[in-house]
Amino acid sequence: MTDIARHAAVIAYPTPFGDGWVAFAGDAVAELGLPGSPSPYRSTAPAPDAATTLAAGLAEYWHGGPLPAAPDGMLRAAGTTALTETIYRCVSAIPAGETMTYAAVAAAVGHPGAARAVGAAMAANRFAPMIPCHRVVGSDGSLRGYAGGVEMKRYLITLEAGSTNG
């Protein structure tokens, strides 16, 4: 078991799809869990104020509030390579309620033709929805894979566009 797993503080927050969770190791976000995903961490440490604040902000987001700002260092910690970090920064800059294709993200980060690399980065994203991979869609506008399922992806895109009724 890793040091993070031994010392993570985990706090759950409610969403329309069940509880999501925030795992903190010290003062840093270790991972976010989409609703319905089990936490691999043992909650052995008290949750820092930052975790409680982030969980409350995420609960508000899932019910129509704004997406909380990413904590310091989260994007850097999320990127396992320079390209992945660049992709995550690009995706994080997509305005709420808008989408971008995998190919457009690849082109925007200076790697046209690397749409599959963008897809791989989205699949490895352990900070959804704060790194909003749900805003990335297929070249035909179709909703492609999402860890929480396509219905959750549709819900988030619609929620951000201002209505959960469509």
N, C-alpha and C. Protein backbone atom coordinates (compact mmCIF):
# COMPACT_ATOMS: atom_id res chain seq x y z
N MET A 1 0.84 -1.18 0.00
CA MET A 1 0.00 0.00 0.00
C MET A 1 0.89 1.24 0.00
N THR A 2 0.54 2.21 -0.82
CA THR A 2 1.36 3.41 -0.91
C THR A 2 1.17 4.30 0.31
N ASP A 3 2.09 5.23 0.48
CA ASP A 3 1.99 6.18 1.58
C ASP A 3 0.71 7.00 1.45
N ILE A 4 0.35 7.39 0.22
CA ILE A 4 -0.88 8.15 0.01
C ILE A 4 -2.08 7.34 0.48
N ALA A 5 -2.14 6.07 0.12
CA ALA A 5 -3.27 5.24 0.50
C ALA A 5 -3.36 5.09 2.01
N ARG A 6 -2.22 5.06 2.69
CA ARG A 6 -2.24 4.92 4.15
C ARG A 6 -2.70 6.19 4.84
N HIS A 7 -2.40 7.34 4.25
CA HIS A 7 -2.63 8.59 4.96
C HIS A 7 -3.64 9.52 4.30
N ALA A 8 -4.39 9.03 3.37
CA ALA A 8 -5.36 9.88 2.67
C ALA A 8 -6.56 10.18 3.56
N ALA A 9 -7.06 11.37 3.41
CA ALA A 9 -8.33 11.75 4.02
C ALA A 9 -9.35 11.70 2.89
N VAL A 10 -10.44 11.02 3.10
CA VAL A 10 -11.46 10.88 2.05
C VAL A 10 -12.76 11.46 2.59
N ILE A 11 -13.36 12.31 1.77
CA ILE A 11 -14.65 12.89 2.15
C ILE A 11 -15.61 12.73 0.98
N ALA A 12 -16.81 12.26 1.27
CA ALA A 12 -17.83 12.05 0.24
C ALA A 12 -18.68 13.31 0.08
N TYR A 13 -19.28 13.43 -1.09
CA TYR A 13 -20.22 14.53 -1.33
C TYR A 13 -21.36 14.00 -2.20
N PRO A 14 -22.57 14.54 -2.02
CA PRO A 14 -23.74 14.01 -2.75
C PRO A 14 -23.86 14.57 -4.16
N THR A 15 -24.33 13.72 -5.07
CA THR A 15 -24.65 14.11 -6.44
C THR A 15 -25.94 13.38 -6.83
N PRO A 16 -26.57 13.77 -7.92
CA PRO A 16 -27.76 13.04 -8.38
C PRO A 16 -27.46 11.59 -8.79
N PHE A 17 -26.20 11.23 -8.94
CA PHE A 17 -25.81 9.88 -9.35
C PHE A 17 -25.26 9.06 -8.18
N GLY A 18 -25.40 9.55 -6.96
CA GLY A 18 -24.80 8.91 -5.79
C GLY A 18 -23.63 9.74 -5.31
N ASP A 19 -22.92 9.23 -4.34
CA ASP A 19 -21.81 10.00 -3.76
C ASP A 19 -20.56 9.96 -4.62
N GLY A 20 -19.94 11.13 -4.76
CA GLY A 20 -18.59 11.24 -5.30
C GLY A 20 -17.67 11.39 -4.09
N TRP A 21 -16.37 11.44 -4.31
CA TRP A 21 -15.46 11.58 -3.18
C TRP A 21 -14.20 12.35 -3.57
N VAL A 22 -13.59 12.93 -2.55
CA VAL A 22 -12.34 13.68 -2.67
C VAL A 22 -11.34 13.01 -1.75
N ALA A 23 -10.17 12.66 -2.26
CA ALA A 23 -9.09 12.11 -1.43
C ALA A 23 -7.97 13.14 -1.36
N PHE A 24 -7.56 13.45 -0.15
CA PHE A 24 -6.48 14.40 0.10
C PHE A 24 -5.34 13.67 0.79
N ALA A 25 -4.13 13.96 0.40
CA ALA A 25 -2.93 13.47 1.08
C ALA A 25 -2.19 14.72 1.54
N GLY A 26 -2.18 14.94 2.82
CA GLY A 26 -1.62 16.19 3.33
C GLY A 26 -2.50 17.33 2.87
N ASP A 27 -1.90 18.31 2.20
CA ASP A 27 -2.65 19.45 1.71
C ASP A 27 -2.99 19.35 0.23
N ALA A 28 -2.68 18.22 -0.40
CA ALA A 28 -2.87 18.09 -1.85
C ALA A 28 -4.01 17.13 -2.17
N VAL A 29 -4.73 17.44 -3.25
CA VAL A 29 -5.76 16.53 -3.74
C VAL A 29 -5.03 15.33 -4.35
N ALA A 30 -5.34 14.13 -3.87
CA ALA A 30 -4.72 12.93 -4.41
C ALA A 30 -5.53 12.39 -5.59
N GLU A 31 -6.85 12.52 -5.50
CA GLU A 31 -7.72 11.96 -6.53
C GLU A 31 -9.15 12.40 -6.24
N LEU A 32 -9.96 12.44 -7.29
CA LEU A 32 -11.39 12.66 -7.16
C LEU A 32 -12.08 11.42 -7.69
N GLY A 33 -13.14 11.02 -7.04
CA GLY A 33 -13.90 9.86 -7.49
C GLY A 33 -15.26 10.28 -8.00
N LEU A 34 -15.58 9.89 -9.22
CA LEU A 34 -16.91 10.17 -9.76
C LEU A 34 -17.96 9.38 -8.98
N PRO A 35 -19.19 9.86 -8.98
CA PRO A 35 -20.25 9.13 -8.29
C PRO A 35 -20.30 7.67 -8.70
N GLY A 36 -20.47 6.82 -7.70
CA GLY A 36 -20.56 5.39 -7.95
C GLY A 36 -19.24 4.66 -7.98
N SER A 37 -18.12 5.40 -7.98
CA SER A 37 -16.83 4.73 -7.99
C SER A 37 -16.34 4.54 -6.56
N PRO A 38 -15.88 3.34 -6.25
CA PRO A 38 -15.39 3.10 -4.89
C PRO A 38 -14.04 3.76 -4.67
N SER A 39 -13.82 4.24 -3.47
CA SER A 39 -12.54 4.85 -3.13
C SER A 39 -11.53 3.75 -2.81
N PRO A 40 -10.34 3.81 -3.40
CA PRO A 40 -9.30 2.82 -3.08
C PRO A 40 -8.53 3.20 -1.81
N TYR A 41 -8.90 4.32 -1.20
CA TYR A 41 -8.17 4.82 -0.04
C TYR A 41 -8.88 4.47 1.25
N ARG A 42 -8.08 4.19 2.26
CA ARG A 42 -8.62 4.04 3.60
C ARG A 42 -8.63 5.43 4.21
N SER A 43 -9.77 5.84 4.69
CA SER A 43 -9.89 7.18 5.27
C SER A 43 -9.39 7.13 6.71
N THR A 44 -8.08 7.32 6.88
CA THR A 44 -7.48 7.21 8.20
C THR A 44 -7.11 8.55 8.80
N ALA A 45 -7.15 9.58 8.00
CA ALA A 45 -6.76 10.91 8.47
C ALA A 45 -7.98 11.82 8.49
N PRO A 46 -7.99 12.79 9.40
CA PRO A 46 -9.10 13.74 9.36
C PRO A 46 -9.02 14.58 8.09
N ALA A 47 -10.16 14.92 7.55
CA ALA A 47 -10.20 15.71 6.33
C ALA A 47 -9.78 17.15 6.62
N PRO A 48 -8.80 17.67 5.87
CA PRO A 48 -8.42 19.06 6.06
C PRO A 48 -9.54 19.99 5.59
N ASP A 49 -9.51 21.22 6.04
CA ASP A 49 -10.54 22.18 5.64
C ASP A 49 -10.64 22.29 4.12
N ALA A 50 -9.51 22.22 3.44
CA ALA A 50 -9.52 22.32 1.98
C ALA A 50 -10.33 21.19 1.35
N ALA A 51 -10.28 19.99 1.92
CA ALA A 51 -11.05 18.86 1.40
C ALA A 51 -12.54 19.08 1.61
N THR A 52 -12.90 19.56 2.78
CA THR A 52 -14.30 19.83 3.09
C THR A 52 -14.84 20.91 2.17
N THR A 53 -14.05 21.96 1.96
CA THR A 53 -14.46 23.06 1.07
C THR A 53 -14.61 22.56 -0.36
N LEU A 54 -13.64 21.78 -0.83
CA LEU A 54 -13.71 21.25 -2.19
C LEU A 54 -14.91 20.33 -2.36
N ALA A 55 -15.16 19.45 -1.40
CA ALA A 55 -16.30 18.53 -1.48
C ALA A 55 -17.61 19.32 -1.52
N ALA A 56 -17.73 20.36 -0.72
CA ALA A 56 -18.94 21.19 -0.73
C ALA A 56 -19.11 21.88 -2.09
N GLY A 57 -18.01 22.38 -2.65
CA GLY A 57 -18.06 23.02 -3.96
C GLY A 57 -18.45 22.04 -5.05
N LEU A 58 -17.95 20.81 -4.97
CA LEU A 58 -18.31 19.80 -5.97
C LEU A 58 -19.78 19.39 -5.83
N ALA A 59 -20.27 19.30 -4.62
CA ALA A 59 -21.70 18.99 -4.42
C ALA A 59 -22.55 20.08 -5.05
N GLU A 60 -22.18 21.34 -4.85
CA GLU A 60 -22.92 22.45 -5.46
C GLU A 60 -22.85 22.37 -6.99
N TYR A 61 -21.67 22.04 -7.52
CA TYR A 61 -21.50 21.93 -8.97
C TYR A 61 -22.48 20.91 -9.55
N TRP A 62 -22.55 19.73 -8.95
CA TRP A 62 -23.41 18.67 -9.48
C TRP A 62 -24.88 19.03 -9.40
N HIS A 63 -25.19 20.10 -8.66
CA HIS A 63 -26.58 20.55 -8.55
C HIS A 63 -26.78 21.91 -9.22
N GLY A 64 -25.87 22.29 -10.13
CA GLY A 64 -26.05 23.49 -10.93
C GLY A 64 -25.14 24.65 -10.60
N GLY A 65 -24.28 24.52 -9.61
CA GLY A 65 -23.35 25.59 -9.27
C GLY A 65 -22.12 25.58 -10.18
N PRO A 66 -21.23 26.54 -9.99
CA PRO A 66 -20.02 26.59 -10.80
C PRO A 66 -19.03 25.49 -10.39
N LEU A 67 -18.22 25.08 -11.34
CA LEU A 67 -17.16 24.12 -11.04
C LEU A 67 -16.11 24.82 -10.19
N PRO A 68 -15.74 24.26 -9.04
CA PRO A 68 -14.73 24.92 -8.20
C PRO A 68 -13.40 25.05 -8.95
N ALA A 69 -12.64 26.04 -8.57
CA ALA A 69 -11.30 26.22 -9.14
C ALA A 69 -10.41 25.07 -8.70
N ALA A 70 -9.53 24.65 -9.59
CA ALA A 70 -8.60 23.57 -9.27
C ALA A 70 -7.63 24.04 -8.19
N PRO A 71 -7.42 23.23 -7.16
CA PRO A 71 -6.44 23.59 -6.13
C PRO A 71 -5.04 23.72 -6.73
N ASP A 72 -4.22 24.53 -6.11
CA ASP A 72 -2.84 24.73 -6.57
C ASP A 72 -2.14 23.39 -6.78
N GLY A 73 -1.48 23.28 -7.89
CA GLY A 73 -0.67 22.10 -8.18
C GLY A 73 -1.42 20.90 -8.71
N MET A 74 -2.76 20.94 -8.74
CA MET A 74 -3.50 19.76 -9.17
C MET A 74 -3.22 19.41 -10.63
N LEU A 75 -3.23 20.39 -11.51
CA LEU A 75 -2.98 20.09 -12.93
C LEU A 75 -1.58 19.54 -13.13
N ARG A 76 -0.63 20.07 -12.42
CA ARG A 76 0.75 19.58 -12.53
C ARG A 76 0.84 18.15 -12.01
N ALA A 77 0.16 17.86 -10.90
CA ALA A 77 0.18 16.51 -10.34
C ALA A 77 -0.56 15.52 -11.23
N ALA A 78 -1.56 16.00 -11.95
CA ALA A 78 -2.37 15.12 -12.78
C ALA A 78 -1.62 14.64 -14.01
N GLY A 79 -0.78 15.49 -14.56
CA GLY A 79 -0.08 15.15 -15.80
C GLY A 79 1.09 14.23 -15.56
N THR A 80 1.02 13.04 -16.11
CA THR A 80 2.13 12.10 -15.95
C THR A 80 3.25 12.38 -16.94
N THR A 81 2.92 13.14 -17.97
CA THR A 81 3.93 13.58 -18.95
C THR A 81 3.65 15.05 -19.25
N ALA A 82 4.60 15.71 -19.90
CA ALA A 82 4.39 17.10 -20.28
C ALA A 82 3.20 17.23 -21.22
N LEU A 83 3.04 16.28 -22.15
CA LEU A 83 1.92 16.33 -23.07
C LEU A 83 0.60 16.17 -22.32
N THR A 84 0.53 15.24 -21.39
CA THR A 84 -0.70 15.04 -20.62
C THR A 84 -1.05 16.30 -19.85
N GLU A 85 -0.08 16.91 -19.20
CA GLU A 85 -0.35 18.14 -18.45
C GLU A 85 -0.86 19.23 -19.40
N THR A 86 -0.27 19.34 -20.58
CA THR A 86 -0.70 20.34 -21.56
C THR A 86 -2.13 20.05 -22.01
N ILE A 87 -2.45 18.79 -22.23
CA ILE A 87 -3.81 18.40 -22.62
C ILE A 87 -4.78 18.77 -21.50
N TYR A 88 -4.44 18.46 -20.26
CA TYR A 88 -5.33 18.78 -19.13
C TYR A 88 -5.54 20.28 -18.99
N ARG A 89 -4.49 21.06 -19.23
CA ARG A 89 -4.64 22.53 -19.16
C ARG A 89 -5.58 23.02 -20.26
N CYS A 90 -5.43 22.47 -21.45
CA CYS A 90 -6.30 22.84 -22.57
C CYS A 90 -7.75 22.49 -22.27
N VAL A 91 -7.99 21.27 -21.81
CA VAL A 91 -9.35 20.82 -21.52
C VAL A 91 -9.94 21.65 -20.39
N SER A 92 -9.14 22.01 -19.41
CA SER A 92 -9.62 22.82 -18.29
C SER A 92 -10.01 24.22 -18.72
N ALA A 93 -9.52 24.66 -19.88
CA ALA A 93 -9.84 25.99 -20.39
C ALA A 93 -11.10 26.00 -21.27
N ILE A 94 -11.66 24.83 -21.56
CA ILE A 94 -12.91 24.78 -22.34
C ILE A 94 -14.00 25.39 -21.46
N PRO A 95 -14.69 26.41 -21.95
CA PRO A 95 -15.72 27.04 -21.12
C PRO A 95 -16.85 26.07 -20.76
N ALA A 96 -17.41 26.24 -19.57
CA ALA A 96 -18.54 25.44 -19.13
C ALA A 96 -19.66 25.57 -20.14
N GLY A 97 -20.31 24.46 -20.45
CA GLY A 97 -21.40 24.44 -21.39
C GLY A 97 -20.96 24.29 -22.84
N GLU A 98 -19.66 24.27 -23.07
CA GLU A 98 -19.14 24.08 -24.42
C GLU A 98 -18.37 22.77 -24.50
N THR A 99 -18.16 22.29 -25.71
CA THR A 99 -17.40 21.07 -25.91
C THR A 99 -16.32 21.33 -26.96
N MET A 100 -15.39 20.39 -27.02
CA MET A 100 -14.30 20.45 -28.00
C MET A 100 -14.03 19.01 -28.40
N THR A 101 -13.68 18.78 -29.63
CA THR A 101 -13.41 17.41 -30.08
C THR A 101 -12.01 16.97 -29.65
N TYR A 102 -11.82 15.67 -29.61
CA TYR A 102 -10.49 15.12 -29.30
C TYR A 102 -9.46 15.67 -30.28
N ALA A 103 -9.83 15.72 -31.57
CA ALA A 103 -8.91 16.22 -32.60
C ALA A 103 -8.60 17.70 -32.40
N ALA A 104 -9.60 18.48 -32.01
CA ALA A 104 -9.38 19.91 -31.79
C ALA A 104 -8.47 20.14 -30.59
N VAL A 105 -8.62 19.33 -29.54
CA VAL A 105 -7.73 19.44 -28.39
C VAL A 105 -6.30 19.11 -28.83
N ALA A 106 -6.15 18.04 -29.59
CA ALA A 106 -4.82 17.64 -30.08
C ALA A 106 -4.19 18.78 -30.88
N ALA A 107 -4.95 19.39 -31.76
CA ALA A 107 -4.43 20.49 -32.57
C ALA A 107 -4.09 21.69 -31.68
N ALA A 108 -4.93 21.96 -30.70
CA ALA A 108 -4.72 23.12 -29.82
C ALA A 108 -3.45 22.99 -28.99
N VAL A 109 -3.05 21.76 -28.69
CA VAL A 109 -1.83 21.57 -27.90
C VAL A 109 -0.61 21.34 -28.80
N GLY A 110 -0.78 21.56 -30.09
CA GLY A 110 0.34 21.47 -31.01
C GLY A 110 0.68 20.08 -31.50
N HIS A 111 -0.26 19.15 -31.37
CA HIS A 111 -0.04 17.77 -31.82
C HIS A 111 -1.21 17.30 -32.68
N PRO A 112 -1.42 17.96 -33.83
CA PRO A 112 -2.52 17.52 -34.69
C PRO A 112 -2.32 16.04 -35.05
N GLY A 113 -3.39 15.34 -35.09
CA GLY A 113 -3.30 13.91 -35.39
C GLY A 113 -3.13 13.06 -34.15
N ALA A 114 -3.06 13.68 -32.97
CA ALA A 114 -2.86 12.93 -31.73
C ALA A 114 -4.15 12.81 -30.93
N ALA A 115 -5.28 12.69 -31.63
CA ALA A 115 -6.56 12.58 -30.95
C ALA A 115 -6.59 11.36 -30.01
N ARG A 116 -5.93 10.29 -30.39
CA ARG A 116 -5.90 9.10 -29.51
C ARG A 116 -5.13 9.38 -28.23
N ALA A 117 -4.09 10.18 -28.31
CA ALA A 117 -3.35 10.56 -27.10
C ALA A 117 -4.24 11.40 -26.18
N VAL A 118 -5.07 12.25 -26.78
CA VAL A 118 -6.02 13.03 -25.99
C VAL A 118 -7.01 12.07 -25.32
N GLY A 119 -7.51 11.11 -26.07
CA GLY A 119 -8.42 10.12 -25.49
C GLY A 119 -7.79 9.34 -24.36
N ALA A 120 -6.53 8.97 -24.52
CA ALA A 120 -5.83 8.25 -23.45
C ALA A 120 -5.66 9.12 -22.22
N ALA A 121 -5.37 10.40 -22.41
CA ALA A 121 -5.24 11.32 -21.28
C ALA A 121 -6.59 11.48 -20.57
N MET A 122 -7.67 11.54 -21.34
CA MET A 122 -9.00 11.67 -20.73
C MET A 122 -9.33 10.41 -19.93
N ALA A 123 -8.99 9.25 -20.47
CA ALA A 123 -9.26 7.99 -19.78
C ALA A 123 -8.46 7.86 -18.48
N ALA A 124 -7.29 8.49 -18.44
CA ALA A 124 -6.43 8.41 -17.25
C ALA A 124 -6.70 9.52 -16.24
N ASN A 125 -7.62 10.41 -16.54
CA ASN A 125 -7.91 11.56 -15.70
C ASN A 125 -8.46 11.12 -14.34
N ARG A 126 -7.72 11.37 -13.29
CA ARG A 126 -8.18 11.00 -11.95
C ARG A 126 -8.73 12.21 -11.19
N PHE A 127 -8.98 13.30 -11.92
CA PHE A 127 -9.50 14.51 -11.29
C PHE A 127 -10.79 15.01 -11.96
N ALA A 128 -11.58 14.10 -12.52
CA ALA A 128 -12.87 14.48 -13.11
C ALA A 128 -13.85 14.75 -11.96
N PRO A 129 -14.70 15.73 -12.07
CA PRO A 129 -14.94 16.61 -13.20
C PRO A 129 -14.11 17.90 -13.19
N MET A 130 -13.19 18.06 -12.23
CA MET A 130 -12.43 19.31 -12.17
C MET A 130 -11.52 19.50 -13.37
N ILE A 131 -10.95 18.42 -13.88
CA ILE A 131 -10.36 18.44 -15.22
C ILE A 131 -11.49 17.89 -16.07
N PRO A 132 -12.22 18.78 -16.75
CA PRO A 132 -13.52 18.43 -17.32
C PRO A 132 -13.46 17.64 -18.62
N CYS A 133 -13.03 16.39 -18.51
CA CYS A 133 -12.95 15.53 -19.69
C CYS A 133 -14.32 15.28 -20.29
N HIS A 134 -15.38 15.53 -19.53
CA HIS A 134 -16.73 15.37 -20.09
C HIS A 134 -17.00 16.37 -21.21
N ARG A 135 -16.20 17.43 -21.30
CA ARG A 135 -16.39 18.45 -22.34
C ARG A 135 -15.73 18.05 -23.66
N VAL A 136 -15.07 16.90 -23.70
CA VAL A 136 -14.39 16.46 -24.92
C VAL A 136 -15.27 15.40 -25.59
N VAL A 137 -15.55 15.63 -26.87
CA VAL A 137 -16.49 14.79 -27.61
C VAL A 137 -15.86 14.27 -28.91
N GLY A 138 -16.53 13.32 -29.53
CA GLY A 138 -16.06 12.78 -30.81
C GLY A 138 -16.13 13.81 -31.92
N SER A 139 -15.45 13.55 -33.02
CA SER A 139 -15.39 14.50 -34.13
C SER A 139 -16.77 14.79 -34.72
N ASP A 140 -17.71 13.87 -34.54
CA ASP A 140 -19.07 14.09 -35.03
C ASP A 140 -19.99 14.66 -33.94
N GLY A 141 -19.40 15.05 -32.81
CA GLY A 141 -20.18 15.61 -31.71
C GLY A 141 -20.76 14.56 -30.78
N SER A 142 -20.50 13.29 -31.06
CA SER A 142 -21.05 12.22 -30.23
C SER A 142 -20.33 12.15 -28.89
N LEU A 143 -21.07 11.68 -27.90
CA LEU A 143 -20.50 11.51 -26.57
C LEU A 143 -19.82 10.16 -26.53
N ARG A 144 -18.53 10.21 -26.35
CA ARG A 144 -17.73 8.98 -26.29
C ARG A 144 -17.46 8.65 -24.84
N GLY A 145 -16.75 7.58 -24.60
CA GLY A 145 -16.49 7.04 -23.28
C GLY A 145 -16.28 8.06 -22.18
N TYR A 146 -16.80 7.74 -21.02
CA TYR A 146 -16.64 8.55 -19.81
C TYR A 146 -16.66 7.57 -18.65
N ALA A 147 -15.78 7.76 -17.70
CA ALA A 147 -15.67 6.82 -16.58
C ALA A 147 -17.00 6.64 -15.85
N GLY A 148 -17.80 7.69 -15.79
CA GLY A 148 -19.11 7.61 -15.13
C GLY A 148 -20.23 7.16 -16.04
N GLY A 149 -19.91 6.94 -17.32
CA GLY A 149 -20.92 6.53 -18.29
C GLY A 149 -21.39 7.71 -19.12
N VAL A 150 -21.93 7.40 -20.29
CA VAL A 150 -22.35 8.43 -21.23
C VAL A 150 -23.50 9.27 -20.67
N GLU A 151 -24.41 8.67 -19.91
CA GLU A 151 -25.52 9.44 -19.33
C GLU A 151 -24.99 10.50 -18.37
N MET A 152 -23.98 10.16 -17.57
CA MET A 152 -23.39 11.14 -16.67
C MET A 152 -22.72 12.25 -17.47
N LYS A 153 -22.03 11.90 -18.53
CA LYS A 153 -21.37 12.89 -19.38
C LYS A 153 -22.42 13.82 -19.97
N ARG A 154 -23.50 13.27 -20.49
CA ARG A 154 -24.59 14.07 -21.05
C ARG A 154 -25.16 15.00 -19.98
N TYR A 155 -25.38 14.47 -18.80
CA TYR A 155 -25.92 15.27 -17.70
C TYR A 155 -25.01 16.47 -17.41
N LEU A 156 -23.71 16.24 -17.31
CA LEU A 156 -22.78 17.33 -16.98
C LEU A 156 -22.74 18.39 -18.08
N ILE A 157 -22.71 17.97 -19.32
CA ILE A 157 -22.69 18.93 -20.44
C ILE A 157 -23.98 19.75 -20.43
N THR A 158 -25.10 19.09 -20.24
CA THR A 158 -26.39 19.77 -20.20
C THR A 158 -26.49 20.68 -18.98
N LEU A 159 -26.04 20.20 -17.84
CA LEU A 159 -26.04 21.00 -16.61
C LEU A 159 -25.24 22.28 -16.81
N GLU A 160 -24.08 22.16 -17.39
CA GLU A 160 -23.23 23.33 -17.60
C GLU A 160 -23.84 24.29 -18.62
N ALA A 161 -24.62 23.76 -19.54
CA ALA A 161 -25.26 24.62 -20.54
C ALA A 161 -26.47 25.34 -19.96
N GLY A 162 -26.84 24.99 -18.71
CA GLY A 162 -27.90 25.73 -18.03
C GLY A 162 -29.17 24.98 -17.75
N SER A 163 -29.24 23.71 -18.14
CA SER A 163 -30.46 22.95 -17.90
C SER A 163 -30.14 21.47 -17.82
N THR A 164 -30.75 20.77 -16.87
CA THR A 164 -30.58 19.32 -16.79
C THR A 164 -31.78 18.59 -17.39
N ASN A 165 -32.61 19.30 -18.11
CA ASN A 165 -33.81 18.70 -18.67
C ASN A 165 -33.65 18.22 -20.10
N GLY A 166 -32.46 18.34 -20.67
CA GLY A 166 -32.33 17.96 -22.07
C GLY A 166 -31.35 16.95 -22.23
